[in-house]
Amino acid sequence: MSHHDHHEGHHHVLSDSTALKTILALLSLTVITVAIARVDLGVLNFPVAMFVASVKAVIVCSIFMGLKYENRENTVIFSTSLLFMLIFFILTFGDLLTRGDVYVKGQIIPAELQAAGPSKFSKPWIESPEIIAHGKGLFAAQCTSCHGDGGAGNGPAAAGLNPKPRNFTVGEGWKNGRKGSQIFGTLTKGLNTMPAFGSLPSEDRWALAHYVRTLGPHSAEKDSDADLAKVGVDPNQEGGGGSAEKSIPLEAAIEILSES
């Protein structure tokens, strides 16, 4: 057998000291991983966890799997695969971390629709261009599958519903009425095949109510104090009180609805 053949068939024997050092390094990294899991690093949580896991994987492959003692060709192949994986993670999570979207059970919730911080509207029951614009965004994300892009009740999911979703473009036949407070109440309690959206922040329900009114004939009917009181709103109080206190973040509400 030639010297080359003898070299190819040689197996490196790991020394006890190297094995012990490697095990201690892996245990230390495991402790670091557990410690990091108990600290909120924000968007850095995942990258830091992946970095620690990658270091552990490199140690295992290099020492215990013998890559460190293999031919250079194998080391180059392994290193190249790690490089491409790193590029993939950088591009993918660079996009996710800068997009600002929230994913709940595979559903994308745009950043502009996420509930965070104090209310944007001190008196959301009062119609304004700003709250109507907010309602339009919510409608596009949450309501078009049943009610359609234009609110005519002809969305892709409408075919499987009985009774059919409300056609918002007509002014007649509204069971609970077409005032803002009445639509708000319907959103809160649900109606027929439409589930209750009472878990949504109250200002989002008001925004949807105002936008839905714009899809049909113009109505000069305004909410009276008595109408607002029926849905738990005190018009003399910032935020309206009552139903606003029951609001939870939008992404949590969607998760609850998806499980119902």
C-alpha atoms as a PDB file:
ATOM      1  CA  MET A   1       0.000   0.000   0.000  1.00  0.00           C
ATOM      2  CA  SER A   2       1.393   3.399  -1.003  1.00  0.00           C
ATOM      3  CA  HIS A   3       1.970   6.249   1.398  1.00  0.00           C
ATOM      4  CA  HIS A   4      -0.957   8.125  -0.196  1.00  0.00           C
ATOM      5  CA  ASP A   5      -3.296   5.154   0.309  1.00  0.00           C
ATOM      6  CA  HIS A   6      -2.136   4.797   3.897  1.00  0.00           C
ATOM      7  CA  HIS A   7      -2.820   8.491   4.500  1.00  0.00           C
ATOM      8  CA  GLU A   8      -6.307   8.201   2.971  1.00  0.00           C
ATOM      9  CA  GLY A   9      -7.182   5.319   5.270  1.00  0.00           C
ATOM     10  CA  HIS A  10      -5.885   6.977   8.408  1.00  0.00           C
ATOM     11  CA  HIS A  11      -8.446   7.886  11.074  1.00  0.00           C
ATOM     12  CA  HIS A  12      -7.679  10.679  13.487  1.00  0.00           C
ATOM     13  CA  VAL A  13      -8.018   9.716  17.130  1.00  0.00           C
ATOM     14  CA  LEU A  14      -9.410  12.519  19.257  1.00  0.00           C
ATOM     15  CA  SER A  15      -7.388  13.120  22.406  1.00  0.00           C
ATOM     16  CA  ASP A  16      -9.108  13.138  25.795  1.00  0.00           C
ATOM     17  CA  SER A  17      -8.126  16.751  26.455  1.00  0.00           C
ATOM     18  CA  THR A  18      -9.539  17.948  23.107  1.00  0.00           C
ATOM     19  CA  ALA A  19     -12.753  16.014  23.665  1.00  0.00           C
ATOM     20  CA  LEU A  20     -13.121  17.467  27.165  1.00  0.00           C
ATOM     21  CA  LYS A  21     -12.508  21.025  25.935  1.00  0.00           C
ATOM     22  CA  THR A  22     -15.031  20.559  23.149  1.00  0.00           C
ATOM     23  CA  ILE A  23     -17.682  19.224  25.511  1.00  0.00           C
ATOM     24  CA  LEU A  24     -17.118  22.122  27.914  1.00  0.00           C
ATOM     25  CA  ALA A  25     -17.385  24.616  25.048  1.00  0.00           C
ATOM     26  CA  LEU A  26     -20.666  23.084  23.886  1.00  0.00           C
ATOM     27  CA  LEU A  27     -22.082  23.067  27.416  1.00  0.00           C
ATOM     28  CA  SER A  28     -21.066  26.707  27.863  1.00  0.00           C
ATOM     29  CA  LEU A  29     -22.778  27.661  24.612  1.00  0.00           C
ATOM     30  CA  THR A  30     -25.895  25.771  25.719  1.00  0.00           C
ATOM     31  CA  VAL A  31     -25.951  27.783  28.962  1.00  0.00           C
ATOM     32  CA  ILE A  32     -25.590  30.972  26.903  1.00  0.00           C
ATOM     33  CA  THR A  33     -28.496  29.877  24.684  1.00  0.00           C
ATOM     34  CA  VAL A  34     -30.762  29.327  27.698  1.00  0.00           C
ATOM     35  CA  ALA A  35     -29.695  32.664  29.213  1.00  0.00           C
ATOM     36  CA  ILE A  36     -30.403  34.517  25.962  1.00  0.00           C
ATOM     37  CA  ALA A  37     -33.871  32.944  25.808  1.00  0.00           C
ATOM     38  CA  ARG A  38     -34.698  34.677  29.103  1.00  0.00           C
ATOM     39  CA  VAL A  39     -33.685  38.120  27.813  1.00  0.00           C
ATOM     40  CA  ASP A  40     -35.764  40.181  25.409  1.00  0.00           C
ATOM     41  CA  LEU A  41     -33.383  41.485  22.757  1.00  0.00           C
ATOM     42  CA  GLY A  42     -36.129  42.581  20.403  1.00  0.00           C
ATOM     43  CA  VAL A  43     -35.320  41.898  16.745  1.00  0.00           C
ATOM     44  CA  LEU A  44     -31.905  40.550  17.777  1.00  0.00           C
ATOM     45  CA  ASN A  45     -33.361  37.515  19.561  1.00  0.00           C
ATOM     46  CA  PHE A  46     -33.399  35.314  16.483  1.00  0.00           C
ATOM     47  CA  PRO A  47     -30.051  36.410  14.937  1.00  0.00           C
ATOM     48  CA  VAL A  48     -28.205  35.936  18.260  1.00  0.00           C
ATOM     49  CA  ALA A  49     -29.782  32.515  18.818  1.00  0.00           C
ATOM     50  CA  MET A  50     -28.869  31.467  15.272  1.00  0.00           C
ATOM     51  CA  PHE A  51     -25.291  32.665  15.735  1.00  0.00           C
ATOM     52  CA  VAL A  52     -24.810  30.637  18.924  1.00  0.00           C
ATOM     53  CA  ALA A  53     -26.396  27.581  17.304  1.00  0.00           C
ATOM     54  CA  SER A  54     -24.131  27.976  14.258  1.00  0.00           C
ATOM     55  CA  VAL A  55     -21.020  28.146  16.444  1.00  0.00           C
ATOM     56  CA  LYS A  56     -22.089  24.925  18.185  1.00  0.00           C
ATOM     57  CA  ALA A  57     -22.696  23.245  14.820  1.00  0.00           C
ATOM     58  CA  VAL A  58     -19.253  24.274  13.543  1.00  0.00           C
ATOM     59  CA  ILE A  59     -17.568  22.881  16.674  1.00  0.00           C
ATOM     60  CA  VAL A  60     -19.401  19.559  16.370  1.00  0.00           C
ATOM     61  CA  CYS A  61     -18.635  19.235  12.640  1.00  0.00           C
ATOM     62  CA  SER A  62     -15.011  20.294  13.006  1.00  0.00           C
ATOM     63  CA  ILE A  63     -14.035  18.257  16.072  1.00  0.00           C
ATOM     64  CA  PHE A  64     -16.434  15.370  16.657  1.00  0.00           C
ATOM     65  CA  MET A  65     -17.137  14.739  12.956  1.00  0.00           C
ATOM     66  CA  GLY A  66     -13.464  15.179  12.089  1.00  0.00           C
ATOM     67  CA  LEU A  67     -13.865  17.865   9.437  1.00  0.00           C
ATOM     68  CA  LYS A  68     -10.854  19.690  10.866  1.00  0.00           C
ATOM     69  CA  TYR A  69      -8.697  16.693  10.011  1.00  0.00           C
ATOM     70  CA  GLU A  70     -10.198  15.989   6.577  1.00  0.00           C
ATOM     71  CA  ASN A  71      -8.827  16.996   3.198  1.00  0.00           C
ATOM     72  CA  ARG A  72      -9.087  20.668   2.317  1.00  0.00           C
ATOM     73  CA  GLU A  73     -11.612  19.913  -0.429  1.00  0.00           C
ATOM     74  CA  ASN A  74     -14.180  18.741   2.135  1.00  0.00           C
ATOM     75  CA  THR A  75     -13.530  21.802   4.292  1.00  0.00           C
ATOM     76  CA  VAL A  76     -14.070  24.109   1.300  1.00  0.00           C
ATOM     77  CA  ILE A  77     -17.341  22.370   0.390  1.00  0.00           C
ATOM     78  CA  PHE A  78     -18.628  22.590   3.956  1.00  0.00           C
ATOM     79  CA  SER A  79     -17.558  26.223   4.363  1.00  0.00           C
ATOM     80  CA  THR A  80     -19.180  27.185   1.058  1.00  0.00           C
ATOM     81  CA  SER A  81     -22.493  25.618   2.098  1.00  0.00           C
ATOM     82  CA  LEU A  82     -22.384  27.593   5.344  1.00  0.00           C
ATOM     83  CA  LEU A  83     -21.671  30.777   3.389  1.00  0.00           C
ATOM     84  CA  PHE A  84     -24.663  30.290   1.108  1.00  0.00           C
ATOM     85  CA  MET A  85     -26.878  29.501   4.107  1.00  0.00           C
ATOM     86  CA  LEU A  86     -25.651  32.684   5.799  1.00  0.00           C
ATOM     87  CA  ILE A  87     -26.455  34.736   2.691  1.00  0.00           C
ATOM     88  CA  PHE A  88     -29.922  33.192   2.603  1.00  0.00           C
ATOM     89  CA  PHE A  89     -30.627  34.058   6.238  1.00  0.00           C
ATOM     90  CA  ILE A  90     -29.282  37.604   5.854  1.00  0.00           C
ATOM     91  CA  LEU A  91     -31.460  38.336   2.814  1.00  0.00           C
ATOM     92  CA  THR A  92     -34.567  36.670   4.244  1.00  0.00           C
ATOM     93  CA  PHE A  93     -34.502  38.128   7.727  1.00  0.00           C
ATOM     94  CA  GLY A  94     -33.197  41.465   6.493  1.00  0.00           C
ATOM     95  CA  ASP A  95     -36.468  41.698   4.578  1.00  0.00           C
ATOM     96  CA  LEU A  96     -38.632  40.499   7.473  1.00  0.00           C
ATOM     97  CA  LEU A  97     -37.039  42.715  10.114  1.00  0.00           C
ATOM     98  CA  THR A  98     -37.344  45.862   7.997  1.00  0.00           C
ATOM     99  CA  ARG A  99     -40.825  45.178   6.629  1.00  0.00           C
ATOM    100  CA  GLY A 100     -42.503  45.515  10.019  1.00  0.00           C
ATOM    101  CA  ASP A 101     -45.245  42.977   9.309  1.00  0.00           C
ATOM    102  CA  VAL A 102     -46.610  40.581  11.891  1.00  0.00           C
ATOM    103  CA  TYR A 103     -47.287  36.930  11.094  1.00  0.00           C
ATOM    104  CA  VAL A 104     -50.078  35.170  12.954  1.00  0.00           C
ATOM    105  CA  LYS A 105     -50.517  31.511  11.993  1.00  0.00           C
ATOM    106  CA  GLY A 106     -49.345  32.210   8.445  1.00  0.00           C
ATOM    107  CA  GLN A 107     -51.425  35.358   7.981  1.00  0.00           C
ATOM    108  CA  ILE A 108     -49.652  38.638   7.318  1.00  0.00           C
ATOM    109  CA  ILE A 109     -50.818  41.659   9.298  1.00  0.00           C
ATOM    110  CA  PRO A 110     -49.387  44.863   7.744  1.00  0.00           C
ATOM    111  CA  ALA A 111     -47.483  47.119  10.125  1.00  0.00           C
ATOM    112  CA  GLU A 112     -49.836  50.034   9.587  1.00  0.00           C
ATOM    113  CA  LEU A 113     -52.720  47.910  10.897  1.00  0.00           C
ATOM    114  CA  GLN A 114     -51.023  46.745  14.063  1.00  0.00           C
ATOM    115  CA  ALA A 115     -52.391  48.084  17.331  1.00  0.00           C
ATOM    116  CA  ALA A 116     -49.583  49.655  19.331  1.00  0.00           C
ATOM    117  CA  GLY A 117     -49.262  52.517  21.764  1.00  0.00           C
ATOM    118  CA  PRO A 118     -51.965  55.040  22.577  1.00  0.00           C
ATOM    119  CA  SER A 119     -55.067  55.546  20.453  1.00  0.00           C
ATOM    120  CA  LYS A 120     -54.600  57.559  17.271  1.00  0.00           C
ATOM    121  CA  PHE A 121     -58.084  59.030  17.546  1.00  0.00           C
ATOM    122  CA  SER A 122     -59.288  60.709  20.730  1.00  0.00           C
ATOM    123  CA  LYS A 123     -62.934  60.485  19.636  1.00  0.00           C
ATOM    124  CA  PRO A 124     -63.093  57.726  17.013  1.00  0.00           C
ATOM    125  CA  TRP A 125     -66.896  57.840  16.707  1.00  0.00           C
ATOM    126  CA  ILE A 126     -66.501  61.199  14.941  1.00  0.00           C
ATOM    127  CA  GLU A 127     -66.046  60.724  11.199  1.00  0.00           C
ATOM    128  CA  SER A 128     -62.905  62.234   9.676  1.00  0.00           C
ATOM    129  CA  PRO A 129     -60.778  61.677   6.539  1.00  0.00           C
ATOM    130  CA  GLU A 130     -58.013  60.201   8.706  1.00  0.00           C
ATOM    131  CA  ILE A 131     -60.162  57.563  10.399  1.00  0.00           C
ATOM    132  CA  ILE A 132     -61.869  56.687   7.112  1.00  0.00           C
ATOM    133  CA  ALA A 133     -58.425  56.109   5.547  1.00  0.00           C
ATOM    134  CA  HIS A 134     -57.532  53.882   8.498  1.00  0.00           C
ATOM    135  CA  GLY A 135     -60.781  51.968   8.016  1.00  0.00           C
ATOM    136  CA  LYS A 136     -60.039  51.500   4.316  1.00  0.00           C
ATOM    137  CA  GLY A 137     -56.763  49.776   5.152  1.00  0.00           C
ATOM    138  CA  LEU A 138     -58.468  47.555   7.716  1.00  0.00           C
ATOM    139  CA  PHE A 139     -61.236  46.688   5.284  1.00  0.00           C
ATOM    140  CA  ALA A 140     -58.755  45.665   2.577  1.00  0.00           C
ATOM    141  CA  ALA A 141     -56.946  43.374   5.014  1.00  0.00           C
ATOM    142  CA  GLN A 142     -59.886  41.880   6.891  1.00  0.00           C
ATOM    143  CA  CYS A 143     -63.160  42.180   4.985  1.00  0.00           C
ATOM    144  CA  THR A 144     -62.626  41.818   1.231  1.00  0.00           C
ATOM    145  CA  SER A 145     -62.537  38.017   1.296  1.00  0.00           C
ATOM    146  CA  CYS A 146     -66.274  38.015   2.094  1.00  0.00           C
ATOM    147  CA  HIS A 147     -67.534  41.463   1.120  1.00  0.00           C
ATOM    148  CA  GLY A 148     -65.343  42.031  -1.949  1.00  0.00           C
ATOM    149  CA  ASP A 149     -63.005  44.888  -2.805  1.00  0.00           C
ATOM    150  CA  GLY A 150     -65.879  47.302  -3.413  1.00  0.00           C
ATOM    151  CA  GLY A 151     -68.057  46.037  -0.566  1.00  0.00           C
ATOM    152  CA  ALA A 152     -70.706  44.484  -2.832  1.00  0.00           C
ATOM    153  CA  GLY A 153     -70.753  41.195  -0.891  1.00  0.00           C
ATOM    154  CA  ASN A 154     -69.101  39.287  -3.736  1.00  0.00           C
ATOM    155  CA  GLY A 155     -65.753  38.307  -2.212  1.00  0.00           C
ATOM    156  CA  PRO A 156     -64.175  34.901  -2.984  1.00  0.00           C
ATOM    157  CA  ALA A 157     -65.457  33.416   0.300  1.00  0.00           C
ATOM    158  CA  ALA A 158     -69.035  34.632  -0.248  1.00  0.00           C
ATOM    159  CA  ALA A 159     -70.018  31.618  -2.369  1.00  0.00           C
ATOM    160  CA  GLY A 160     -69.850  29.302   0.638  1.00  0.00           C
ATOM    161  CA  LEU A 161     -71.882  31.522   2.976  1.00  0.00           C
ATOM    162  CA  ASN A 162     -75.621  31.494   3.624  1.00  0.00           C
ATOM    163  CA  PRO A 163     -76.929  34.106   4.087  1.00  0.00           C
ATOM    164  CA  LYS A 164     -74.605  36.003   1.770  1.00  0.00           C
ATOM    165  CA  PRO A 165     -72.418  38.812   3.123  1.00  0.00           C
ATOM    166  CA  ARG A 166     -73.931  42.294   3.317  1.00  0.00           C
ATOM    167  CA  ASN A 167     -73.788  44.398   0.160  1.00  0.00           C
ATOM    168  CA  PHE A 168     -72.507  47.702   1.537  1.00  0.00           C
ATOM    169  CA  THR A 169     -73.166  49.590  -1.708  1.00  0.00           C
ATOM    170  CA  VAL A 170     -76.940  49.660  -1.184  1.00  0.00           C
ATOM    171  CA  GLY A 171     -78.752  51.733   1.403  1.00  0.00           C
ATOM    172  CA  GLU A 172     -81.676  49.387   2.112  1.00  0.00           C
ATOM    173  CA  GLY A 173     -82.064  46.175   4.081  1.00  0.00           C
ATOM    174  CA  TRP A 174     -79.600  46.813   6.903  1.00  0.00           C
ATOM    175  CA  LYS A 175     -80.918  44.744   9.823  1.00  0.00           C
ATOM    176  CA  ASN A 176     -79.217  46.801  12.542  1.00  0.00           C
ATOM    177  CA  GLY A 177     -79.217  50.127  10.727  1.00  0.00           C
ATOM    178  CA  ARG A 178     -76.595  52.092   8.799  1.00  0.00           C
ATOM    179  CA  LYS A 179     -75.533  54.694  11.342  1.00  0.00           C
ATOM    180  CA  GLY A 180     -71.926  54.553  12.468  1.00  0.00           C
ATOM    181  CA  SER A 181     -72.898  53.337  15.949  1.00  0.00           C
ATOM    182  CA  GLN A 182     -75.171  50.667  14.465  1.00  0.00           C
ATOM    183  CA  ILE A 183     -72.426  49.297  12.210  1.00  0.00           C
ATOM    184  CA  PHE A 184     -70.034  49.495  15.155  1.00  0.00           C
ATOM    185  CA  GLY A 185     -72.491  47.440  17.214  1.00  0.00           C
ATOM    186  CA  THR A 186     -72.823  44.848  14.442  1.00  0.00           C
ATOM    187  CA  LEU A 187     -69.056  44.529  14.225  1.00  0.00           C
ATOM    188  CA  THR A 188     -68.871  44.107  17.984  1.00  0.00           C
ATOM    189  CA  LYS A 189     -71.569  41.446  18.327  1.00  0.00           C
ATOM    190  CA  GLY A 190     -71.529  39.807  14.891  1.00  0.00           C
ATOM    191  CA  LEU A 191     -74.511  38.998  12.676  1.00  0.00           C
ATOM    192  CA  ASN A 192     -75.538  35.783  10.890  1.00  0.00           C
ATOM    193  CA  THR A 193     -72.446  34.355   9.162  1.00  0.00           C
ATOM    194  CA  MET A 194     -70.258  37.297  10.147  1.00  0.00           C
ATOM    195  CA  PRO A 195     -68.353  36.584  13.386  1.00  0.00           C
ATOM    196  CA  ALA A 196     -68.154  39.079  16.237  1.00  0.00           C
ATOM    197  CA  PHE A 197     -65.149  41.396  16.054  1.00  0.00           C
ATOM    198  CA  GLY A 198     -65.523  42.719  19.596  1.00  0.00           C
ATOM    199  CA  SER A 199     -61.920  41.775  20.337  1.00  0.00           C
ATOM    200  CA  LEU A 200     -60.629  44.336  17.857  1.00  0.00           C
ATOM    201  CA  PRO A 201     -59.624  47.719  19.289  1.00  0.00           C
ATOM    202  CA  SER A 202     -62.691  49.954  19.431  1.00  0.00           C
ATOM    203  CA  GLU A 203     -61.064  52.612  17.245  1.00  0.00           C
ATOM    204  CA  ASP A 204     -60.542  49.966  14.540  1.00  0.00           C
ATOM    205  CA  ARG A 205     -64.216  49.017  14.710  1.00  0.00           C
ATOM    206  CA  TRP A 206     -65.155  52.679  14.443  1.00  0.00           C
ATOM    207  CA  ALA A 207     -62.769  53.132  11.510  1.00  0.00           C
ATOM    208  CA  LEU A 208     -64.362  50.190   9.728  1.00  0.00           C
ATOM    209  CA  ALA A 209     -67.846  51.526  10.442  1.00  0.00           C
ATOM    210  CA  HIS A 210     -67.000  54.947   8.993  1.00  0.00           C
ATOM    211  CA  TYR A 211     -65.389  53.453   5.895  1.00  0.00           C
ATOM    212  CA  VAL A 212     -68.275  51.022   5.293  1.00  0.00           C
ATOM    213  CA  ARG A 213     -70.703  53.971   5.283  1.00  0.00           C
ATOM    214  CA  THR A 214     -68.726  55.549   2.411  1.00  0.00           C
ATOM    215  CA  LEU A 215     -69.272  52.491   0.205  1.00  0.00           C
ATOM    216  CA  GLY A 216     -73.008  53.102  -0.135  1.00  0.00           C
ATOM    217  CA  PRO A 217     -75.300  56.080  -0.749  1.00  0.00           C
ATOM    218  CA  HIS A 218     -74.451  59.206   1.203  1.00  0.00           C
ATOM    219  CA  SER A 219     -76.352  59.366   4.471  1.00  0.00           C
ATOM    220  CA  ALA A 220     -76.770  62.496   6.543  1.00  0.00           C
ATOM    221  CA  GLU A 221     -77.901  60.467   9.561  1.00  0.00           C
ATOM    222  CA  LYS A 222     -75.610  61.123  12.495  1.00  0.00           C
ATOM    223  CA  ASP A 223     -75.296  59.329  15.804  1.00  0.00           C
ATOM    224  CA  SER A 224     -77.086  60.920  18.731  1.00  0.00           C
ATOM    225  CA  ASP A 225     -75.819  60.687  22.294  1.00  0.00           C
ATOM    226  CA  ALA A 226     -78.446  58.000  22.869  1.00  0.00           C
ATOM    227  CA  ASP A 227     -77.128  55.998  19.891  1.00  0.00           C
ATOM    228  CA  LEU A 228     -73.581  56.193  21.246  1.00  0.00           C
ATOM    229  CA  ALA A 229     -74.726  55.226  24.727  1.00  0.00           C
ATOM    230  CA  LYS A 230     -76.217  51.994  23.337  1.00  0.00           C
ATOM    231  CA  VAL A 231     -72.735  50.861  22.303  1.00  0.00           C
ATOM    232  CA  GLY A 232     -71.129  51.942  25.570  1.00  0.00           C
ATOM    233  CA  VAL A 233     -69.654  55.260  24.425  1.00  0.00           C
ATOM    234  CA  ASP A 234     -69.612  58.430  26.494  1.00  0.00           C
ATOM    235  CA  PRO A 235     -69.118  61.233  23.924  1.00  0.00           C
ATOM    236  CA  ASN A 236     -67.802  63.556  26.629  1.00  0.00           C
ATOM    237  CA  GLN A 237     -64.887  61.259  27.490  1.00  0.00           C
ATOM    238  CA  GLU A 238     -61.605  60.865  25.573  1.00  0.00           C
ATOM    239  CA  GLY A 239     -61.592  57.473  23.836  1.00  0.00           C
ATOM    240  CA  GLY A 240     -65.260  57.023  24.667  1.00  0.00           C
ATOM    241  CA  GLY A 241     -64.731  54.714  27.630  1.00  0.00           C
ATOM    242  CA  GLY A 242     -66.717  51.511  27.893  1.00  0.00           C
ATOM    243  CA  SER A 243     -65.932  49.281  24.944  1.00  0.00           C
ATOM    244  CA  ALA A 244     -62.511  50.825  24.386  1.00  0.00           C
ATOM    245  CA  GLU A 245     -61.272  49.296  27.615  1.00  0.00           C
ATOM    246  CA  LYS A 246     -61.864  45.805  26.231  1.00  0.00           C
ATOM    247  CA  SER A 247     -59.555  46.282  23.237  1.00  0.00           C
ATOM    248  CA  ILE A 248     -56.608  43.976  22.611  1.00  0.00           C
ATOM    249  CA  PRO A 249     -53.919  44.137  19.905  1.00  0.00           C
ATOM    250  CA  LEU A 250     -55.123  43.330  16.399  1.00  0.00           C
ATOM    251  CA  GLU A 251     -52.788  40.349  15.891  1.00  0.00           C
ATOM    252  CA  ALA A 252     -54.053  38.732  19.102  1.00  0.00           C
ATOM    253  CA  ALA A 253     -57.653  39.289  18.050  1.00  0.00           C
ATOM    254  CA  ILE A 254     -57.044  37.615  14.690  1.00  0.00           C
ATOM    255  CA  GLU A 255     -55.474  34.610  16.416  1.00  0.00           C
ATOM    256  CA  ILE A 256     -58.527  34.296  18.677  1.00  0.00           C
ATOM    257  CA  LEU A 257     -60.867  34.500  15.687  1.00  0.00           C
ATOM    258  CA  SER A 258     -58.837  31.910  13.760  1.00  0.00           C
ATOM    259  CA  GLU A 259     -59.307  29.432  16.604  1.00  0.00           C
ATOM    260  CA  SER A 260     -63.052  29.960  16.933  1.00  0.00           C
END
